């Protein structure tokens, strides 16, 4: 189905709700019908072939794909969880390294902070890309 068909169905669904306030088709009902026809002029014509403004690069930019954004946020949360796991493993390796060679405590801590900075940067980049 093409976009004008969906708009015609929407007008047909919204129109009875607009006319519910009046028992008969009064002047306000006529105004509602005229207003709906003015808002959706392409709903009155149902063309079988889509026009260039409805597909490809001419598609409306205000179209929102909620499922894709939820999927992107879920993937981002998995990546942030991986960064948190990496920080945990980094500090676990620091503890093991200090237990094996206590004299390199300062060097190991410096390397741990550098690695943590890289992981935090990765988490921030993932969140920015997902947003």
N, C-alpha and C. Protein backbone atom coordinates (compact mmCIF):
# COMPACT_ATOMS: atom_id res chain seq x y z
N UNK A 1 0.84 -1.18 0.00
CA UNK A 1 0.00 0.00 0.00
C UNK A 1 0.88 1.24 0.00
N UNK A 2 0.38 2.28 -0.58
CA UNK A 2 1.15 3.51 -0.63
C UNK A 2 0.72 4.44 0.50
N UNK A 3 1.50 5.48 0.69
CA UNK A 3 1.27 6.41 1.78
C UNK A 3 -0.09 7.10 1.72
N UNK A 4 -0.59 7.52 0.56
CA UNK A 4 -1.92 8.15 0.53
C UNK A 4 -3.03 7.21 1.00
N UNK A 5 -2.88 5.94 0.76
CA UNK A 5 -3.90 4.99 1.21
C UNK A 5 -3.93 4.94 2.73
N UNK A 6 -2.74 4.93 3.36
CA UNK A 6 -2.68 4.92 4.82
C UNK A 6 -3.26 6.20 5.41
N UNK A 7 -3.01 7.32 4.75
CA UNK A 7 -3.56 8.59 5.23
C UNK A 7 -5.07 8.61 5.08
N UNK A 8 -5.59 8.03 4.01
CA UNK A 8 -7.04 7.96 3.83
C UNK A 8 -7.67 7.09 4.91
N UNK A 9 -7.01 6.01 5.25
CA UNK A 9 -7.52 5.14 6.33
C UNK A 9 -7.51 5.88 7.65
N UNK A 10 -6.45 6.68 7.89
CA UNK A 10 -6.35 7.44 9.14
C UNK A 10 -7.46 8.49 9.21
N UNK A 11 -7.72 9.18 8.10
CA UNK A 11 -8.79 10.18 8.09
C UNK A 11 -10.12 9.50 8.33
N UNK A 12 -10.32 8.34 7.74
CA UNK A 12 -11.58 7.62 7.94
C UNK A 12 -11.74 7.16 9.38
N UNK A 13 -10.62 6.91 10.06
CA UNK A 13 -10.70 6.48 11.46
C UNK A 13 -10.88 7.67 12.39
N UNK A 14 -10.26 8.81 12.09
CA UNK A 14 -10.33 9.98 12.96
C UNK A 14 -11.63 10.74 12.77
N UNK A 15 -12.18 10.70 11.58
CA UNK A 15 -13.38 11.47 11.26
C UNK A 15 -14.58 11.12 12.15
N UNK A 16 -14.92 9.85 12.39
CA UNK A 16 -16.07 9.58 13.28
C UNK A 16 -15.86 10.10 14.69
N UNK A 17 -14.63 10.12 15.17
CA UNK A 17 -14.37 10.65 16.51
C UNK A 17 -14.59 12.16 16.54
N UNK A 18 -14.26 12.84 15.44
CA UNK A 18 -14.47 14.28 15.37
C UNK A 18 -15.96 14.60 15.29
N UNK A 19 -16.72 13.74 14.66
CA UNK A 19 -18.16 13.98 14.49
C UNK A 19 -18.99 13.46 15.65
N UNK A 20 -18.37 12.81 16.64
CA UNK A 20 -19.11 12.22 17.74
C UNK A 20 -19.79 13.28 18.60
N UNK A 21 -19.22 14.48 18.66
CA UNK A 21 -19.80 15.53 19.50
C UNK A 21 -21.18 15.96 19.03
N UNK A 22 -21.45 15.91 17.75
CA UNK A 22 -22.75 16.32 17.23
C UNK A 22 -23.54 15.08 16.82
N UNK A 23 -24.84 15.10 17.13
CA UNK A 23 -25.65 13.93 16.80
C UNK A 23 -25.91 13.83 15.31
N UNK A 24 -26.11 14.95 14.66
CA UNK A 24 -26.34 14.95 13.21
C UNK A 24 -25.17 15.66 12.55
N UNK A 25 -25.11 15.56 11.25
CA UNK A 25 -24.04 16.20 10.49
C UNK A 25 -24.38 17.68 10.38
N UNK A 26 -23.90 18.46 11.36
CA UNK A 26 -24.21 19.89 11.39
C UNK A 26 -23.11 20.67 10.70
N UNK A 27 -23.12 21.98 10.90
CA UNK A 27 -22.13 22.83 10.26
C UNK A 27 -20.74 22.56 10.82
N UNK A 28 -20.65 22.26 12.11
CA UNK A 28 -19.33 21.95 12.67
C UNK A 28 -18.80 20.62 12.13
N UNK A 29 -19.70 19.70 11.85
CA UNK A 29 -19.29 18.45 11.23
C UNK A 29 -18.78 18.67 9.82
N UNK A 30 -19.45 19.57 9.10
CA UNK A 30 -18.99 19.90 7.76
C UNK A 30 -17.62 20.55 7.80
N UNK A 31 -17.40 21.41 8.82
CA UNK A 31 -16.10 22.05 8.96
C UNK A 31 -15.02 21.02 9.27
N UNK A 32 -15.35 20.01 10.07
CA UNK A 32 -14.36 18.97 10.38
C UNK A 32 -14.00 18.18 9.13
N UNK A 33 -15.00 17.89 8.31
CA UNK A 33 -14.73 17.17 7.07
C UNK A 33 -13.86 18.01 6.15
N UNK A 34 -14.17 19.30 6.03
CA UNK A 34 -13.39 20.18 5.17
C UNK A 34 -11.98 20.34 5.72
N UNK A 35 -11.85 20.44 7.04
CA UNK A 35 -10.52 20.57 7.64
C UNK A 35 -9.68 19.33 7.42
N UNK A 36 -10.29 18.16 7.52
CA UNK A 36 -9.55 16.92 7.28
C UNK A 36 -9.13 16.82 5.83
N UNK A 37 -10.00 17.28 4.93
CA UNK A 37 -9.65 17.23 3.50
C UNK A 37 -8.55 18.22 3.17
N UNK A 38 -8.53 19.36 3.88
CA UNK A 38 -7.47 20.32 3.64
C UNK A 38 -6.14 19.86 4.21
N UNK A 39 -6.16 19.20 5.35
CA UNK A 39 -4.92 18.72 5.97
C UNK A 39 -4.31 17.58 5.19
N UNK A 40 -5.14 16.71 4.63
CA UNK A 40 -4.65 15.54 3.91
C UNK A 40 -5.20 15.55 2.48
N UNK A 41 -4.71 16.44 1.63
CA UNK A 41 -5.28 16.48 0.27
C UNK A 41 -4.90 15.25 -0.54
N UNK A 42 -3.75 14.66 -0.25
CA UNK A 42 -3.37 13.48 -1.02
C UNK A 42 -4.12 12.23 -0.58
N UNK A 43 -4.84 12.31 0.55
CA UNK A 43 -5.62 11.16 0.99
C UNK A 43 -6.84 10.95 0.09
N UNK A 44 -7.28 12.02 -0.53
CA UNK A 44 -8.45 11.90 -1.41
C UNK A 44 -8.10 11.17 -2.69
N UNK A 45 -6.86 11.31 -3.13
CA UNK A 45 -6.43 10.62 -4.35
C UNK A 45 -5.60 9.42 -3.96
N UNK A 46 -5.96 8.28 -4.45
CA UNK A 46 -5.21 7.07 -4.15
C UNK A 46 -4.51 6.62 -5.41
N UNK A 47 -3.28 7.01 -5.56
CA UNK A 47 -2.52 6.61 -6.74
C UNK A 47 -1.81 5.30 -6.46
N UNK A 48 -1.71 4.46 -7.44
CA UNK A 48 -1.08 3.15 -7.27
C UNK A 48 0.43 3.25 -7.24
N UNK A 49 1.00 4.22 -7.93
CA UNK A 49 2.46 4.33 -7.98
C UNK A 49 2.92 5.44 -7.05
N UNK A 50 3.97 5.18 -6.23
CA UNK A 50 4.45 6.22 -5.33
C UNK A 50 5.19 7.30 -6.10
N UNK A 51 5.11 8.51 -5.59
CA UNK A 51 5.82 9.61 -6.23
C UNK A 51 7.24 9.67 -5.71
N UNK A 52 8.07 10.51 -6.34
CA UNK A 52 9.47 10.58 -5.96
C UNK A 52 9.66 11.18 -4.58
N UNK A 53 8.73 11.99 -4.10
CA UNK A 53 8.89 12.60 -2.79
C UNK A 53 8.61 11.62 -1.65
N UNK A 54 8.11 10.43 -1.95
CA UNK A 54 7.76 9.49 -0.90
C UNK A 54 8.78 8.37 -0.74
N UNK A 55 9.70 8.23 -1.66
CA UNK A 55 10.66 7.13 -1.57
C UNK A 55 12.07 7.66 -1.74
N UNK A 56 13.03 6.90 -1.33
CA UNK A 56 14.44 7.22 -1.55
C UNK A 56 14.88 8.45 -0.78
N UNK A 57 15.65 9.31 -1.44
CA UNK A 57 16.18 10.49 -0.79
C UNK A 57 15.10 11.53 -0.52
N UNK A 58 13.96 11.42 -1.18
CA UNK A 58 12.88 12.37 -0.96
C UNK A 58 11.95 11.97 0.16
N UNK A 59 12.24 10.90 0.87
CA UNK A 59 11.39 10.44 1.96
C UNK A 59 11.38 11.49 3.07
N UNK A 60 10.28 11.61 3.80
CA UNK A 60 10.22 12.62 4.86
C UNK A 60 11.24 12.34 5.95
N UNK A 61 11.92 13.39 6.39
CA UNK A 61 12.97 13.24 7.39
C UNK A 61 12.41 13.11 8.80
N UNK A 62 11.15 13.43 9.00
CA UNK A 62 10.59 13.35 10.34
C UNK A 62 10.10 11.95 10.69
N UNK A 63 10.29 11.01 9.82
CA UNK A 63 9.88 9.64 10.08
C UNK A 63 10.77 9.06 11.17
N UNK A 64 10.19 8.45 12.17
CA UNK A 64 10.97 7.95 13.31
C UNK A 64 10.82 6.44 13.39
N UNK A 65 11.94 5.77 13.45
CA UNK A 65 11.94 4.32 13.57
C UNK A 65 12.27 3.97 15.01
N UNK A 66 11.25 3.80 15.84
CA UNK A 66 11.45 3.57 17.26
C UNK A 66 12.12 2.23 17.53
N UNK A 67 11.80 1.21 16.75
CA UNK A 67 12.40 -0.10 16.98
C UNK A 67 13.89 -0.10 16.73
N UNK A 68 14.33 0.64 15.73
CA UNK A 68 15.75 0.69 15.41
C UNK A 68 16.51 1.42 16.51
N UNK A 69 15.93 2.49 17.06
CA UNK A 69 16.61 3.22 18.12
C UNK A 69 16.71 2.39 19.39
N UNK A 70 15.69 1.62 19.68
CA UNK A 70 15.75 0.74 20.85
C UNK A 70 16.81 -0.34 20.65
N UNK A 71 16.89 -0.87 19.45
CA UNK A 71 17.92 -1.85 19.15
C UNK A 71 19.31 -1.25 19.28
N UNK A 72 19.50 -0.03 18.78
CA UNK A 72 20.79 0.64 18.90
C UNK A 72 21.16 0.90 20.35
N UNK A 73 20.20 1.29 21.16
CA UNK A 73 20.48 1.51 22.59
C UNK A 73 20.83 0.20 23.29
N UNK A 74 20.19 -0.88 22.91
CA UNK A 74 20.52 -2.18 23.51
C UNK A 74 21.93 -2.61 23.16
N UNK A 75 22.32 -2.41 21.90
CA UNK A 75 23.68 -2.75 21.50
C UNK A 75 24.68 -1.88 22.23
N UNK A 76 24.35 -0.59 22.42
CA UNK A 76 25.24 0.31 23.15
C UNK A 76 25.40 -0.12 24.60
N UNK A 77 24.32 -0.60 25.21
CA UNK A 77 24.42 -1.04 26.60
C UNK A 77 25.28 -2.29 26.73
N UNK A 78 25.22 -3.16 25.73
CA UNK A 78 26.10 -4.33 25.74
C UNK A 78 27.56 -3.87 25.65
N UNK A 79 27.83 -2.87 24.81
CA UNK A 79 29.20 -2.36 24.67
C UNK A 79 29.66 -1.69 25.96
N UNK A 80 28.79 -0.94 26.61
CA UNK A 80 29.16 -0.30 27.87
C UNK A 80 29.40 -1.36 28.95
N UNK A 81 28.59 -2.41 28.93
CA UNK A 81 28.84 -3.53 29.86
C UNK A 81 30.19 -4.18 29.61
N UNK A 82 30.58 -4.30 28.34
CA UNK A 82 31.90 -4.84 28.01
C UNK A 82 33.01 -3.94 28.52
N UNK A 83 32.82 -2.63 28.45
CA UNK A 83 33.81 -1.69 29.00
C UNK A 83 33.92 -1.84 30.51
N UNK A 84 32.79 -2.00 31.18
CA UNK A 84 32.82 -2.19 32.63
C UNK A 84 33.52 -3.50 32.99
N UNK A 85 33.29 -4.54 32.22
CA UNK A 85 33.98 -5.80 32.46
C UNK A 85 35.48 -5.64 32.23
N UNK A 86 35.86 -4.87 31.22
CA UNK A 86 37.27 -4.62 30.96
C UNK A 86 37.94 -3.88 32.09
N UNK A 87 37.25 -2.91 32.69
CA UNK A 87 37.82 -2.19 33.84
C UNK A 87 37.98 -3.13 35.02
N UNK A 88 37.00 -4.00 35.22
CA UNK A 88 37.13 -4.99 36.30
C UNK A 88 38.31 -5.92 36.10
N UNK A 89 38.50 -6.39 34.89
CA UNK A 89 39.64 -7.26 34.60
C UNK A 89 40.96 -6.52 34.72
N UNK A 90 40.96 -5.24 34.38
CA UNK A 90 42.17 -4.43 34.48
C UNK A 90 42.61 -4.30 35.94
N UNK A 91 41.68 -4.02 36.84
CA UNK A 91 42.06 -3.91 38.26
C UNK A 91 42.37 -5.27 38.87
N UNK A 92 41.72 -6.33 38.38
CA UNK A 92 42.08 -7.67 38.85
C UNK A 92 43.51 -8.01 38.45
N UNK A 93 43.91 -7.62 37.23
CA UNK A 93 45.28 -7.85 36.79
C UNK A 93 46.25 -7.00 37.61
N UNK A 94 45.82 -5.79 38.01
CA UNK A 94 46.67 -4.95 38.87
C UNK A 94 46.93 -5.63 40.21
N UNK A 95 45.90 -6.20 40.79
CA UNK A 95 46.06 -6.88 42.08
C UNK A 95 46.98 -8.09 41.94
N UNK A 96 46.79 -8.87 40.88
CA UNK A 96 47.63 -10.04 40.66
C UNK A 96 49.07 -9.61 40.41
N UNK A 97 49.28 -8.57 39.60
CA UNK A 97 50.63 -8.09 39.32
C UNK A 97 51.32 -7.55 40.55
N UNK A 98 50.59 -6.85 41.41
CA UNK A 98 51.20 -6.34 42.64
C UNK A 98 51.49 -7.48 43.61
N UNK A 99 50.69 -8.53 43.59
CA UNK A 99 50.96 -9.68 44.45
C UNK A 99 52.20 -10.42 43.99
N UNK A 100 52.44 -10.48 42.69
CA UNK A 100 53.62 -11.19 42.17
C UNK A 100 54.89 -10.36 42.30
N UNK A 101 54.79 -9.05 42.07
CA UNK A 101 55.99 -8.21 42.11
C UNK A 101 55.64 -6.88 42.77
N UNK A 102 55.71 -6.81 44.09
CA UNK A 102 55.32 -5.58 44.80
C UNK A 102 56.21 -4.37 44.49
N UNK A 103 57.40 -4.59 44.01
CA UNK A 103 58.30 -3.46 43.75
C UNK A 103 57.86 -2.65 42.52
N UNK A 104 57.06 -3.21 41.66
CA UNK A 104 56.58 -2.50 40.46
C UNK A 104 55.18 -1.90 40.66
N UNK A 105 54.85 -1.64 41.90
CA UNK A 105 53.51 -1.18 42.24
C UNK A 105 53.15 0.13 41.51
N UNK A 106 54.03 1.13 41.52
CA UNK A 106 53.72 2.42 40.89
C UNK A 106 53.59 2.29 39.36
N UNK A 107 54.49 1.52 38.76
CA UNK A 107 54.42 1.34 37.31
C UNK A 107 53.14 0.63 36.89
N UNK A 108 52.80 -0.42 37.62
CA UNK A 108 51.58 -1.16 37.29
C UNK A 108 50.34 -0.29 37.46
N UNK A 109 50.34 0.56 38.50
CA UNK A 109 49.19 1.43 38.72
C UNK A 109 49.08 2.47 37.60
N UNK A 110 50.22 2.98 37.13
CA UNK A 110 50.21 3.93 36.02
C UNK A 110 49.64 3.28 34.77
N UNK A 111 50.09 2.07 34.47
CA UNK A 111 49.57 1.36 33.29
C UNK A 111 48.08 1.07 33.43
N UNK A 112 47.65 0.77 34.64
CA UNK A 112 46.23 0.51 34.89
C UNK A 112 45.39 1.76 34.63
N UNK A 113 45.87 2.90 35.09
CA UNK A 113 45.12 4.14 34.87
C UNK A 113 45.07 4.51 33.38
N UNK A 114 46.16 4.25 32.66
CA UNK A 114 46.15 4.51 31.22
C UNK A 114 45.13 3.60 30.52
N UNK A 115 45.13 2.33 30.88
CA UNK A 115 44.16 1.39 30.31
C UNK A 115 42.73 1.75 30.66
N UNK A 116 42.52 2.23 31.90
CA UNK A 116 41.17 2.63 32.31
C UNK A 116 40.72 3.85 31.52
N UNK A 117 41.64 4.76 31.24
CA UNK A 117 41.30 5.92 30.43
C UNK A 117 40.87 5.52 29.04
N UNK A 118 41.56 4.56 28.43
CA UNK A 118 41.17 4.08 27.11
C UNK A 118 39.79 3.43 27.14
N UNK A 119 39.52 2.65 28.19
CA UNK A 119 38.21 1.99 28.28
C UNK A 119 37.09 3.00 28.50
N UNK A 120 37.34 4.01 29.33
CA UNK A 120 36.32 5.04 29.54
C UNK A 120 36.06 5.82 28.25
N UNK A 121 37.12 6.09 27.49
CA UNK A 121 36.96 6.78 26.21
C UNK A 121 36.12 5.93 25.25
N UNK A 122 36.38 4.63 25.23
CA UNK A 122 35.60 3.73 24.38
C UNK A 122 34.12 3.74 24.79
N UNK A 123 33.85 3.73 26.09
CA UNK A 123 32.45 3.76 26.56
C UNK A 123 31.77 5.06 26.15
N UNK A 124 32.47 6.17 26.26
CA UNK A 124 31.89 7.47 25.89
C UNK A 124 31.61 7.52 24.39
N UNK A 125 32.54 7.00 23.58
CA UNK A 125 32.35 6.99 22.13
C UNK A 125 31.14 6.13 21.76
N UNK A 126 31.00 4.99 22.42
CA UNK A 126 29.86 4.09 22.12
C UNK A 126 28.54 4.78 22.45
N UNK A 127 28.49 5.48 23.58
CA UNK A 127 27.26 6.17 23.98
C UNK A 127 26.96 7.31 23.01
N UNK A 128 27.99 8.03 22.58
CA UNK A 128 27.77 9.14 21.64
C UNK A 128 27.27 8.64 20.30
N UNK A 129 27.82 7.54 19.83
CA UNK A 129 27.39 7.00 18.53
C UNK A 129 25.97 6.47 18.63
N UNK A 130 25.63 5.83 19.75
CA UNK A 130 24.28 5.29 19.91
C UNK A 130 23.23 6.39 20.06
N UNK A 131 23.62 7.53 20.60
CA UNK A 131 22.65 8.61 20.84
C UNK A 131 22.37 9.32 19.59
